[in-house]
C-alpha atoms as a PDB file:
ATOM      1  CA  MET A   1      -8.174  22.357   9.517  1.00  0.00           C
ATOM      2  CA  LYS A   2      -7.664  20.793   6.097  1.00  0.00           C
ATOM      3  CA  ALA A   3      -6.051  17.413   5.509  1.00  0.00           C
ATOM      4  CA  LYS A   4      -5.253  15.230   2.533  1.00  0.00           C
ATOM      5  CA  ALA A   5      -7.384  12.068   2.464  1.00  0.00           C
ATOM      6  CA  ILE A   6      -8.120   9.097   0.249  1.00  0.00           C
ATOM      7  CA  VAL A   7     -11.704   9.362  -0.973  1.00  0.00           C
ATOM      8  CA  PHE A   8     -13.797   6.803  -2.826  1.00  0.00           C
ATOM      9  CA  THR A   9     -15.812   9.137  -5.050  1.00  0.00           C
ATOM     10  CA  GLY A  10     -17.855   6.435  -6.792  1.00  0.00           C
ATOM     11  CA  VAL A  11     -17.798   2.773  -7.715  1.00  0.00           C
ATOM     12  CA  ARG A  12     -14.128   1.893  -8.409  1.00  0.00           C
ATOM     13  CA  GLN A  13     -13.221   5.596  -8.377  1.00  0.00           C
ATOM     14  CA  ILE A  14     -10.552   6.953  -6.066  1.00  0.00           C
ATOM     15  CA  GLU A  15      -8.986  10.366  -5.478  1.00  0.00           C
ATOM     16  CA  VAL A  16      -6.740  12.102  -2.972  1.00  0.00           C
ATOM     17  CA  LYS A  17      -8.675  15.171  -1.857  1.00  0.00           C
ATOM     18  CA  ASN A  18      -8.496  17.909   0.736  1.00  0.00           C
ATOM     19  CA  VAL A  19     -11.088  17.389   3.466  1.00  0.00           C
ATOM     20  CA  THR A  20     -12.053  19.418   6.526  1.00  0.00           C
ATOM     21  CA  LEU A  21     -11.381  17.982   9.967  1.00  0.00           C
ATOM     22  CA  LYS A  22     -13.753  18.562  12.855  1.00  0.00           C
ATOM     23  CA  PRO A  23     -12.261  20.453  15.825  1.00  0.00           C
ATOM     24  CA  VAL A  24     -10.392  18.517  18.511  1.00  0.00           C
ATOM     25  CA  LEU A  25     -12.833  18.184  21.431  1.00  0.00           C
ATOM     26  CA  SER A  26     -11.835  17.865  25.076  1.00  0.00           C
ATOM     27  CA  THR A  27     -11.549  14.062  24.972  1.00  0.00           C
ATOM     28  CA  ASP A  28     -10.126  13.816  21.440  1.00  0.00           C
ATOM     29  CA  VAL A  29      -6.656  13.420  20.006  1.00  0.00           C
ATOM     30  CA  MET A  30      -5.237  14.415  16.635  1.00  0.00           C
ATOM     31  CA  ILE A  31      -2.942  11.933  14.948  1.00  0.00           C
ATOM     32  CA  GLU A  32      -0.641  12.481  11.990  1.00  0.00           C
ATOM     33  CA  THR A  33      -0.737   9.355   9.861  1.00  0.00           C
ATOM     34  CA  TYR A  34       2.495   7.569   9.042  1.00  0.00           C
ATOM     35  CA  TRP A  35       1.088   4.330   7.629  1.00  0.00           C
ATOM     36  CA  SER A  36      -2.260   2.912   6.634  1.00  0.00           C
ATOM     37  CA  SER A  37      -3.177  -0.201   4.702  1.00  0.00           C
ATOM     38  CA  ILE A  38      -5.786  -1.509   2.319  1.00  0.00           C
ATOM     39  CA  SER A  39      -8.384  -4.042   3.428  1.00  0.00           C
ATOM     40  CA  THR A  40      -9.131  -6.628   0.766  1.00  0.00           C
ATOM     41  CA  GLY A  41     -12.376  -7.634   2.470  1.00  0.00           C
ATOM     42  CA  THR A  42     -14.812  -4.949   3.567  1.00  0.00           C
ATOM     43  CA  GLU A  43     -12.913  -2.129   1.871  1.00  0.00           C
ATOM     44  CA  LYS A  44     -12.847  -3.954  -1.455  1.00  0.00           C
ATOM     45  CA  MET A  45     -16.584  -4.596  -1.279  1.00  0.00           C
ATOM     46  CA  ALA A  46     -17.209  -0.925  -0.488  1.00  0.00           C
ATOM     47  CA  PHE A  47     -14.931   0.156  -3.356  1.00  0.00           C
ATOM     48  CA  GLU A  48     -16.993  -1.975  -5.730  1.00  0.00           C
ATOM     49  CA  GLY A  49     -20.266  -0.560  -4.412  1.00  0.00           C
ATOM     50  CA  LEU A  50     -21.392  -3.842  -2.858  1.00  0.00           C
ATOM     51  CA  ILE A  51     -22.309  -2.367   0.551  1.00  0.00           C
ATOM     52  CA  PRO A  52     -25.040   0.148  -0.361  1.00  0.00           C
ATOM     53  CA  SER A  53     -25.814   1.323   3.163  1.00  0.00           C
ATOM     54  CA  PRO A  54     -24.612   4.067   5.510  1.00  0.00           C
ATOM     55  CA  PRO A  55     -21.849   4.949   6.055  1.00  0.00           C
ATOM     56  CA  PHE A  56     -20.787   3.507   2.685  1.00  0.00           C
ATOM     57  CA  ILE A  57     -22.429   6.290   0.686  1.00  0.00           C
ATOM     58  CA  PHE A  58     -20.154   7.892  -1.901  1.00  0.00           C
ATOM     59  CA  PRO A  59     -18.059   9.935  -1.488  1.00  0.00           C
ATOM     60  CA  PHE A  60     -16.434   8.500   1.624  1.00  0.00           C
ATOM     61  CA  ILE A  61     -13.055   8.048   3.286  1.00  0.00           C
ATOM     62  CA  PRO A  62     -12.131   4.367   3.763  1.00  0.00           C
ATOM     63  CA  GLY A  63      -9.590   2.835   6.078  1.00  0.00           C
ATOM     64  CA  TYR A  64      -9.519   1.183   9.497  1.00  0.00           C
ATOM     65  CA  GLU A  65      -5.867   0.104   9.575  1.00  0.00           C
ATOM     66  CA  THR A  66      -3.966   3.279  10.438  1.00  0.00           C
ATOM     67  CA  VAL A  67      -0.902   4.083  12.546  1.00  0.00           C
ATOM     68  CA  GLY A  68       0.385   7.552  13.273  1.00  0.00           C
ATOM     69  CA  LYS A  69       1.865   9.867  15.861  1.00  0.00           C
ATOM     70  CA  ILE A  70      -0.239  11.856  18.320  1.00  0.00           C
ATOM     71  CA  THR A  71       0.309  15.566  17.650  1.00  0.00           C
ATOM     72  CA  LYS A  72      -2.453  17.231  19.669  1.00  0.00           C
ATOM     73  CA  VAL A  73      -4.716  16.336  22.585  1.00  0.00           C
ATOM     74  CA  GLY A  74      -7.935  17.773  23.987  1.00  0.00           C
ATOM     75  CA  ALA A  75      -8.165  19.592  27.293  1.00  0.00           C
ATOM     76  CA  HIS A  76      -9.111  16.451  29.236  1.00  0.00           C
ATOM     77  CA  VAL A  77      -6.455  14.185  27.694  1.00  0.00           C
ATOM     78  CA  ASN A  78      -3.019  13.586  29.224  1.00  0.00           C
ATOM     79  CA  ASP A  79      -0.524  15.567  27.154  1.00  0.00           C
ATOM     80  CA  ASN A  80       2.107  12.885  27.830  1.00  0.00           C
ATOM     81  CA  LEU A  81       0.526  11.116  24.854  1.00  0.00           C
ATOM     82  CA  ILE A  82       1.898  13.722  22.445  1.00  0.00           C
ATOM     83  CA  GLY A  83       4.638  12.186  20.320  1.00  0.00           C
ATOM     84  CA  LYS A  84       3.544   8.582  20.883  1.00  0.00           C
ATOM     85  CA  TYR A  85       2.574   6.230  18.084  1.00  0.00           C
ATOM     86  CA  ALA A  86      -0.957   4.847  18.125  1.00  0.00           C
ATOM     87  CA  TYR A  87      -3.234   2.586  16.120  1.00  0.00           C
ATOM     88  CA  ILE A  88      -6.523   4.154  14.996  1.00  0.00           C
ATOM     89  CA  ALA A  89      -9.519   2.126  13.829  1.00  0.00           C
ATOM     90  CA  GLY A  90     -10.920   5.081  11.886  1.00  0.00           C
ATOM     91  CA  SER A  91     -12.720   8.337  12.532  1.00  0.00           C
ATOM     92  CA  PHE A  92     -15.945  10.201  11.909  1.00  0.00           C
ATOM     93  CA  GLY A  93     -14.125  13.499  12.449  1.00  0.00           C
ATOM     94  CA  TYR A  94     -14.814  15.115   9.065  1.00  0.00           C
ATOM     95  CA  GLU A  95     -17.194  17.888   8.116  1.00  0.00           C
ATOM     96  CA  ASP A  96     -17.606  17.558   4.376  1.00  0.00           C
ATOM     97  CA  VAL A  97     -17.364  13.860   3.521  1.00  0.00           C
ATOM     98  CA  ASN A  98     -18.669  10.521   4.803  1.00  0.00           C
ATOM     99  CA  ALA A  99     -16.330   8.276   6.748  1.00  0.00           C
ATOM    100  CA  ALA A 100     -16.301   4.507   6.295  1.00  0.00           C
ATOM    101  CA  PHE A 101     -14.205   4.000   8.282  1.00  0.00           C
ATOM    102  CA  GLY A 102     -12.313   7.236   7.894  1.00  0.00           C
ATOM    103  CA  GLY A 103      -8.761   6.197   8.717  1.00  0.00           C
ATOM    104  CA  ALA A 104      -7.146   6.932   5.342  1.00  0.00           C
ATOM    105  CA  SER A 105      -6.357  10.565   6.059  1.00  0.00           C
ATOM    106  CA  GLN A 106      -3.169  12.571   6.564  1.00  0.00           C
ATOM    107  CA  PHE A 107      -4.523  13.719   9.941  1.00  0.00           C
ATOM    108  CA  VAL A 108      -7.183  11.949  11.989  1.00  0.00           C
ATOM    109  CA  VAL A 109      -9.259  13.354  14.858  1.00  0.00           C
ATOM    110  CA  CYS A 110     -10.845  10.742  17.110  1.00  0.00           C
ATOM    111  CA  PRO A 111     -11.757  10.060  20.757  1.00  0.00           C
ATOM    112  CA  VAL A 112      -8.766   9.054  22.869  1.00  0.00           C
ATOM    113  CA  GLU A 113     -10.648   5.951  24.034  1.00  0.00           C
ATOM    114  CA  SER A 114     -10.706   4.630  20.456  1.00  0.00           C
ATOM    115  CA  ILE A 115      -6.924   4.508  19.992  1.00  0.00           C
ATOM    116  CA  THR A 116      -4.354   1.905  21.015  1.00  0.00           C
ATOM    117  CA  VAL A 117      -1.021   3.396  22.073  1.00  0.00           C
ATOM    118  CA  LEU A 118       1.858   1.324  20.697  1.00  0.00           C
ATOM    119  CA  ASP A 119       4.333   1.605  23.559  1.00  0.00           C
ATOM    120  CA  GLY A 120       6.921  -1.159  23.617  1.00  0.00           C
ATOM    121  CA  ILE A 121       6.570  -2.271  19.998  1.00  0.00           C
ATOM    122  CA  ASP A 122       9.940  -2.057  18.236  1.00  0.00           C
ATOM    123  CA  ASP A 123       8.443  -1.188  14.855  1.00  0.00           C
ATOM    124  CA  PRO A 124       5.244   0.864  15.273  1.00  0.00           C
ATOM    125  CA  LYS A 125       4.229   0.059  11.694  1.00  0.00           C
ATOM    126  CA  CYS A 126       3.294  -3.389  13.030  1.00  0.00           C
ATOM    127  CA  GLY A 127       0.330  -1.675  14.670  1.00  0.00           C
ATOM    128  CA  ILE A 128      -1.370  -1.869  11.271  1.00  0.00           C
ATOM    129  CA  ALA A 129      -1.796  -5.587  11.958  1.00  0.00           C
ATOM    130  CA  LEU A 130      -3.784  -5.070  15.173  1.00  0.00           C
ATOM    131  CA  PRO A 131      -7.270  -5.390  13.613  1.00  0.00           C
ATOM    132  CA  LEU A 132      -6.244  -8.386  11.494  1.00  0.00           C
ATOM    133  CA  GLY A 133      -4.630 -10.048  14.484  1.00  0.00           C
ATOM    134  CA  ALA A 134      -7.661  -9.287  16.648  1.00  0.00           C
ATOM    135  CA  THR A 135      -9.923 -10.781  13.978  1.00  0.00           C
ATOM    136  CA  ALA A 136      -7.827 -13.955  13.900  1.00  0.00           C
ATOM    137  CA  LEU A 137      -7.723 -14.042  17.709  1.00  0.00           C
ATOM    138  CA  HIS A 138     -11.523 -13.858  17.773  1.00  0.00           C
ATOM    139  CA  PHE A 139     -11.602 -16.938  15.535  1.00  0.00           C
ATOM    140  CA  MET A 140      -9.484 -18.784  18.096  1.00  0.00           C
ATOM    141  CA  ASP A 141     -11.748 -17.808  20.972  1.00  0.00           C
ATOM    142  CA  LEU A 142     -14.883 -18.824  19.072  1.00  0.00           C
ATOM    143  CA  GLY A 143     -13.300 -22.108  18.008  1.00  0.00           C
ATOM    144  CA  ASP A 144     -11.846 -22.962  21.437  1.00  0.00           C
ATOM    145  CA  VAL A 145      -8.821 -24.389  19.633  1.00  0.00           C
ATOM    146  CA  GLN A 146      -6.643 -25.583  22.511  1.00  0.00           C
ATOM    147  CA  GLY A 147      -5.860 -29.271  22.124  1.00  0.00           C
ATOM    148  CA  ARG A 148      -7.853 -29.502  18.911  1.00  0.00           C
ATOM    149  CA  LYS A 149      -7.110 -30.085  15.253  1.00  0.00           C
ATOM    150  CA  VAL A 150      -7.678 -26.920  13.241  1.00  0.00           C
ATOM    151  CA  LEU A 151      -8.059 -26.504   9.476  1.00  0.00           C
ATOM    152  CA  VAL A 152      -7.600 -22.969   8.109  1.00  0.00           C
ATOM    153  CA  LEU A 153      -8.895 -22.295   4.603  1.00  0.00           C
ATOM    154  CA  GLY A 154      -6.925 -19.547   2.871  1.00  0.00           C
ATOM    155  CA  GLN A 155      -3.524 -18.069   3.638  1.00  0.00           C
ATOM    156  CA  GLY A 156      -4.130 -14.415   3.040  1.00  0.00           C
ATOM    157  CA  ALA A 157      -3.113 -11.959   5.738  1.00  0.00           C
ATOM    158  CA  VAL A 158      -5.778 -13.040   8.252  1.00  0.00           C
ATOM    159  CA  GLY A 159      -5.311 -16.733   7.496  1.00  0.00           C
ATOM    160  CA  ILE A 160      -1.563 -16.534   8.090  1.00  0.00           C
ATOM    161  CA  LEU A 161      -2.091 -14.809  11.435  1.00  0.00           C
ATOM    162  CA  ALA A 162      -4.812 -17.336  12.318  1.00  0.00           C
ATOM    163  CA  VAL A 163      -2.365 -20.197  11.822  1.00  0.00           C
ATOM    164  CA  GLN A 164       0.213 -18.512  14.061  1.00  0.00           C
ATOM    165  CA  LEU A 165      -2.365 -17.915  16.778  1.00  0.00           C
ATOM    166  CA  ALA A 166      -3.836 -21.422  16.600  1.00  0.00           C
ATOM    167  CA  LYS A 167      -0.381 -22.860  17.231  1.00  0.00           C
ATOM    168  CA  HIS A 168       0.296 -20.363  20.021  1.00  0.00           C
ATOM    169  CA  MET A 169      -3.018 -21.201  21.693  1.00  0.00           C
ATOM    170  CA  GLY A 170      -2.285 -24.904  21.814  1.00  0.00           C
ATOM    171  CA  ALA A 171      -3.960 -26.500  18.808  1.00  0.00           C
ATOM    172  CA  SER A 172      -2.703 -30.077  18.469  1.00  0.00           C
ATOM    173  CA  LEU A 173      -2.441 -29.796  14.672  1.00  0.00           C
ATOM    174  CA  VAL A 174      -2.869 -26.849  12.324  1.00  0.00           C
ATOM    175  CA  ALA A 175      -3.401 -27.450   8.616  1.00  0.00           C
ATOM    176  CA  ALA A 176      -3.845 -24.808   5.931  1.00  0.00           C
ATOM    177  CA  THR A 177      -5.088 -24.897   2.358  1.00  0.00           C
ATOM    178  CA  GLU A 178      -4.230 -22.201  -0.180  1.00  0.00           C
ATOM    179  CA  PRO A 179      -4.190 -22.411  -4.002  1.00  0.00           C
ATOM    180  CA  HIS A 180      -1.504 -19.721  -4.458  1.00  0.00           C
ATOM    181  CA  GLN A 181       1.905 -21.177  -3.660  1.00  0.00           C
ATOM    182  CA  ASN A 182       3.567 -17.858  -2.808  1.00  0.00           C
ATOM    183  CA  ARG A 183       0.992 -17.300  -0.063  1.00  0.00           C
ATOM    184  CA  LEU A 184       1.402 -20.834   1.200  1.00  0.00           C
ATOM    185  CA  ASN A 185       5.144 -20.243   1.504  1.00  0.00           C
ATOM    186  CA  TYR A 186       4.461 -17.620   4.196  1.00  0.00           C
ATOM    187  CA  SER A 187       2.397 -20.064   6.243  1.00  0.00           C
ATOM    188  CA  SER A 188       3.653 -21.641   9.472  1.00  0.00           C
ATOM    189  CA  ALA A 189       1.028 -24.421   9.399  1.00  0.00           C
ATOM    190  CA  ASP A 190       2.074 -27.928  10.410  1.00  0.00           C
ATOM    191  CA  LEU A 191       0.476 -29.259   7.245  1.00  0.00           C
ATOM    192  CA  LYS A 192       0.231 -27.123   4.106  1.00  0.00           C
ATOM    193  CA  VAL A 193      -1.833 -28.098   1.070  1.00  0.00           C
ATOM    194  CA  ASN A 194      -2.072 -26.411  -2.325  1.00  0.00           C
ATOM    195  CA  PRO A 195      -5.372 -27.535  -3.920  1.00  0.00           C
ATOM    196  CA  SER A 196      -4.251 -26.289  -7.333  1.00  0.00           C
ATOM    197  CA  CYS A 197      -1.523 -28.935  -7.581  1.00  0.00           C
ATOM    198  CA  GLN A 198      -2.163 -31.402  -4.744  1.00  0.00           C
ATOM    199  CA  ASP A 199      -4.929 -33.863  -3.951  1.00  0.00           C
ATOM    200  CA  VAL A 200      -6.521 -32.359  -0.843  1.00  0.00           C
ATOM    201  CA  SER A 201      -8.137 -35.664   0.139  1.00  0.00           C
ATOM    202  CA  ALA A 202      -4.817 -37.492  -0.060  1.00  0.00           C
ATOM    203  CA  GLU A 203      -2.883 -34.798   1.796  1.00  0.00           C
ATOM    204  CA  LEU A 204      -5.421 -34.541   4.626  1.00  0.00           C
ATOM    205  CA  ALA A 205      -6.116 -38.273   4.786  1.00  0.00           C
ATOM    206  CA  GLY A 206      -6.224 -39.666   8.296  1.00  0.00           C
ATOM    207  CA  ASN A 207      -7.117 -36.333   9.869  1.00  0.00           C
ATOM    208  CA  GLU A 208     -10.510 -35.394  11.212  1.00  0.00           C
ATOM    209  CA  PHE A 209     -10.565 -31.759  12.248  1.00  0.00           C
ATOM    210  CA  ASP A 210     -12.423 -30.328  15.210  1.00  0.00           C
ATOM    211  CA  VAL A 211     -12.515 -26.774  13.885  1.00  0.00           C
ATOM    212  CA  MET A 212     -12.474 -25.288  10.386  1.00  0.00           C
ATOM    213  CA  ILE A 213     -11.824 -21.575   9.929  1.00  0.00           C
ATOM    214  CA  ASP A 214     -12.695 -20.033   6.583  1.00  0.00           C
ATOM    215  CA  SER A 215     -10.810 -16.962   5.435  1.00  0.00           C
ATOM    216  CA  THR A 216     -11.489 -17.409   1.714  1.00  0.00           C
ATOM    217  CA  GLY A 217     -15.160 -16.586   1.199  1.00  0.00           C
ATOM    218  CA  VAL A 218     -15.139 -19.266  -1.510  1.00  0.00           C
ATOM    219  CA  MET A 219     -18.123 -21.591  -1.235  1.00  0.00           C
ATOM    220  CA  SER A 220     -16.455 -24.476  -3.082  1.00  0.00           C
ATOM    221  CA  ALA A 221     -13.492 -24.357  -0.686  1.00  0.00           C
ATOM    222  CA  ILE A 222     -15.815 -24.358   2.330  1.00  0.00           C
ATOM    223  CA  GLU A 223     -17.810 -27.268   0.939  1.00  0.00           C
ATOM    224  CA  THR A 224     -14.647 -29.288   0.344  1.00  0.00           C
ATOM    225  CA  GLY A 225     -13.387 -28.489   3.827  1.00  0.00           C
ATOM    226  CA  LEU A 226     -16.570 -29.806   5.454  1.00  0.00           C
ATOM    227  CA  ARG A 227     -15.590 -33.314   4.366  1.00  0.00           C
ATOM    228  CA  PHE A 228     -12.676 -33.274   6.785  1.00  0.00           C
ATOM    229  CA  LEU A 229     -14.567 -32.192   9.887  1.00  0.00           C
ATOM    230  CA  LYS A 230     -15.389 -34.720  12.578  1.00  0.00           C
ATOM    231  CA  PHE A 231     -18.835 -35.341  14.028  1.00  0.00           C
ATOM    232  CA  HIS A 232     -19.929 -32.259  16.010  1.00  0.00           C
ATOM    233  CA  GLY A 233     -17.186 -30.225  14.362  1.00  0.00           C
ATOM    234  CA  LYS A 234     -17.328 -26.453  14.239  1.00  0.00           C
ATOM    235  CA  VAL A 235     -17.068 -24.041  11.294  1.00  0.00           C
ATOM    236  CA  ILE A 236     -15.979 -20.439  11.863  1.00  0.00           C
ATOM    237  CA  PHE A 237     -17.016 -18.094   9.051  1.00  0.00           C
ATOM    238  CA  GLY A 238     -14.274 -15.492   9.079  1.00  0.00           C
ATOM    239  CA  GLY A 239     -15.549 -12.938   6.589  1.00  0.00           C
ATOM    240  CA  TYR A 240     -18.578 -11.166   5.196  1.00  0.00           C
ATOM    241  CA  TYR A 241     -20.559 -13.311   2.756  1.00  0.00           C
ATOM    242  CA  GLN A 242     -23.187 -11.923   0.431  1.00  0.00           C
ATOM    243  CA  ARG A 243     -24.824 -15.341   0.137  1.00  0.00           C
ATOM    244  CA  MET A 244     -24.161 -18.809   1.544  1.00  0.00           C
ATOM    245  CA  ASN A 245     -24.457 -21.702  -0.893  1.00  0.00           C
ATOM    246  CA  ILE A 246     -23.125 -25.000   0.412  1.00  0.00           C
ATOM    247  CA  ASP A 247     -24.303 -28.609   0.470  1.00  0.00           C
ATOM    248  CA  TYR A 248     -26.362 -28.993   3.647  1.00  0.00           C
ATOM    249  CA  SER A 249     -26.062 -32.779   3.773  1.00  0.00           C
ATOM    250  CA  GLN A 250     -22.633 -32.753   5.422  1.00  0.00           C
ATOM    251  CA  ALA A 251     -23.786 -30.284   8.060  1.00  0.00           C
ATOM    252  CA  PHE A 252     -26.799 -32.497   8.762  1.00  0.00           C
ATOM    253  CA  ASP A 253     -24.974 -35.825   8.808  1.00  0.00           C
ATOM    254  CA  LYS A 254     -22.229 -34.580  11.143  1.00  0.00           C
ATOM    255  CA  GLU A 255     -24.365 -32.205  13.233  1.00  0.00           C
ATOM    256  CA  LEU A 256     -21.889 -29.411  12.535  1.00  0.00           C
ATOM    257  CA  SER A 257     -21.996 -26.045  14.270  1.00  0.00           C
ATOM    258  CA  PHE A 258     -21.627 -22.850  12.245  1.00  0.00           C
ATOM    259  CA  VAL A 259     -20.422 -19.626  13.857  1.00  0.00           C
ATOM    260  CA  ALA A 260     -20.213 -16.210  12.194  1.00  0.00           C
ATOM    261  CA  ALA A 261     -17.298 -14.098  13.425  1.00  0.00           C
ATOM    262  CA  ARG A 262     -18.488 -10.525  13.089  1.00  0.00           C
ATOM    263  CA  GLN A 263     -15.851  -8.537  14.994  1.00  0.00           C
ATOM    264  CA  TRP A 264     -13.219  -8.959  17.658  1.00  0.00           C
ATOM    265  CA  ALA A 265     -14.188  -8.610  21.301  1.00  0.00           C
ATOM    266  CA  LYS A 266     -13.309  -5.787  23.674  1.00  0.00           C
ATOM    267  CA  GLY A 267      -9.699  -6.084  24.777  1.00  0.00           C
ATOM    268  CA  ASP A 268      -8.563  -8.130  21.767  1.00  0.00           C
ATOM    269  CA  LEU A 269      -6.560  -5.250  20.267  1.00  0.00           C
ATOM    270  CA  LEU A 270      -4.538  -4.999  23.480  1.00  0.00           C
ATOM    271  CA  ARG A 271      -4.052  -8.770  23.547  1.00  0.00           C
ATOM    272  CA  VAL A 272      -2.684  -8.669  20.011  1.00  0.00           C
ATOM    273  CA  LYS A 273      -0.474  -5.696  20.857  1.00  0.00           C
ATOM    274  CA  GLU A 274       1.156  -7.774  23.609  1.00  0.00           C
ATOM    275  CA  LEU A 275       1.618 -10.729  21.237  1.00  0.00           C
ATOM    276  CA  ILE A 276       3.364  -8.457  18.724  1.00  0.00           C
ATOM    277  CA  LYS A 277       5.384  -6.792  21.487  1.00  0.00           C
ATOM    278  CA  ASN A 278       6.838 -10.109  22.670  1.00  0.00           C
ATOM    279  CA  ASN A 279       7.328 -11.397  19.091  1.00  0.00           C
ATOM    280  CA  THR A 280       4.813 -14.219  19.491  1.00  0.00           C
ATOM    281  CA  LEU A 281       2.849 -12.870  16.522  1.00  0.00           C
ATOM    282  CA  GLN A 282       5.047 -12.192  13.488  1.00  0.00           C
ATOM    283  CA  ALA A 283       3.069  -9.296  12.033  1.00  0.00           C
ATOM    284  CA  LYS A 284       5.724  -8.106   9.581  1.00  0.00           C
ATOM    285  CA  LYS A 285       5.345 -11.316   7.615  1.00  0.00           C
ATOM    286  CA  ILE A 286       2.134 -10.059   6.004  1.00  0.00           C
ATOM    287  CA  PHE A 287       3.508  -6.669   4.848  1.00  0.00           C
ATOM    288  CA  THR A 288       4.488  -7.759   1.353  1.00  0.00           C
ATOM    289  CA  HIS A 289       3.912  -4.528  -0.595  1.00  0.00           C
ATOM    290  CA  SER A 290       4.066  -0.780  -0.021  1.00  0.00           C
ATOM    291  CA  HIS A 291       3.161   2.340  -1.970  1.00  0.00           C
ATOM    292  CA  PRO A 292       3.512   6.085  -1.349  1.00  0.00           C
ATOM    293  CA  VAL A 293       0.243   7.985  -1.037  1.00  0.00           C
ATOM    294  CA  ASN A 294       1.462  10.733  -3.349  1.00  0.00           C
ATOM    295  CA  ALA A 295       1.888   8.281  -6.249  1.00  0.00           C
ATOM    296  CA  ASP A 296      -0.728   6.525  -8.404  1.00  0.00           C
ATOM    297  CA  LEU A 297      -3.134   5.212  -5.774  1.00  0.00           C
ATOM    298  CA  ALA A 298      -5.359   3.481  -8.310  1.00  0.00           C
ATOM    299  CA  GLU A 299      -2.416   1.213  -9.100  1.00  0.00           C
ATOM    300  CA  ALA A 300      -1.886   0.414  -5.410  1.00  0.00           C
ATOM    301  CA  TYR A 301      -5.547  -0.455  -4.873  1.00  0.00           C
ATOM    302  CA  HIS A 302      -5.693  -2.534  -8.034  1.00  0.00           C
ATOM    303  CA  GLN A 303      -2.680  -4.546  -6.916  1.00  0.00           C
ATOM    304  CA  ALA A 304      -3.999  -4.949  -3.367  1.00  0.00           C
ATOM    305  CA  PHE A 305      -7.361  -6.187  -4.630  1.00  0.00           C
ATOM    306  CA  ASN A 306      -6.207  -8.363  -7.525  1.00  0.00           C
ATOM    307  CA  ASP A 307      -2.624  -9.599  -7.042  1.00  0.00           C
ATOM    308  CA  PRO A 308      -2.648 -12.852  -5.036  1.00  0.00           C
ATOM    309  CA  ASP A 309       0.997 -12.270  -4.108  1.00  0.00           C
ATOM    310  CA  CYS A 310      -0.002  -9.077  -2.269  1.00  0.00           C
ATOM    311  CA  LEU A 311      -0.936 -10.110   1.260  1.00  0.00           C
ATOM    312  CA  LYS A 312      -1.067  -6.579   2.638  1.00  0.00           C
ATOM    313  CA  MET A 313      -0.477  -3.267   0.855  1.00  0.00           C
ATOM    314  CA  VAL A 314       0.971  -0.624   3.192  1.00  0.00           C
ATOM    315  CA  LEU A 315       0.449   3.009   2.200  1.00  0.00           C
ATOM    316  CA  ASN A 316       3.276   5.333   3.239  1.00  0.00           C
ATOM    317  CA  TRP A 317       2.035   8.807   4.185  1.00  0.00           C
ATOM    318  CA  LYS A 318       5.495  10.128   5.021  1.00  0.00           C
ATOM    319  CA  PRO A 319       8.787   9.904   3.113  1.00  0.00           C
ATOM    320  CA  GLU A 320      10.660   6.740   4.069  1.00  0.00           C
ATOM    321  CA  ASN A 321      13.395   8.671   5.883  1.00  0.00           C
ATOM    322  CA  GLU A 322      10.720  10.140   8.179  1.00  0.00           C
ATOM    323  CA  ASN A 323       9.090   6.794   8.922  1.00  0.00           C
ATOM    324  CA  THR A 324      11.899   5.532  11.115  1.00  0.00           C
ATOM    325  CA  ASP A 325      12.197   8.276  13.715  1.00  0.00           C
END
């Protein structure tokens, strides 16, 4: 079967191409995509050719934030799933193109065990936020934030969700720094600081934080943040960093702990689903922009990667009047 897919054909080159799906095996499902979104972390690095290792070998299909409707199931899968919305983290179910992560396709074939059915969520599009929410939830678990003061660097999509989750999980104070005011306006932090127009030292004066979570990838921001950690404080690195370059003296003097958050743990997607289902996690807040797949995709990717006002670009695979059934 052929399907339309987004393909990175080379460094900063993107096309919508027809690709060949692998057959649906006995434990697989086929999903028709309604929405996907653009990752400004790993996907951006792959787009720019900065991850030169399998499966990021051009040409490849990106995407690990996909929601669609189950249209077909394998012989050993309950056919009651047909017609249900599900989140898919990607797929390797293609015959003629690499997949990294393979979710940006009109139809996706993947093992049933790899999907998260979105029963009970009022707006299934919110399923796009599952991996971001699970990433932020993993930060909370690693930081053991209950009863502690938490500083979140950066209020992009993950940072905004991290603030919500830190408050939900009982942090005694949550502060956030973000140099773009429009992003900061979306934040629910108890204390919000814009380093581009405020004195961070003055605004955070009197607070020593137990945990600092970085969602910026900016070494200067991390280095500044270290000044506000208490003795034996903990730093959670929330992204992928090509190189680390920070002043070691603060880490030494305060005996700080550094933790790299690679990926969410098993079960975190379901935990986030429940938080969205009961409106504890306000996922819609991060969906600031949308773009139809059949329009100029290069424009959508450029905006997602370069416009600081774009927290999350949602790609619509179906006409809007079909996205609400």
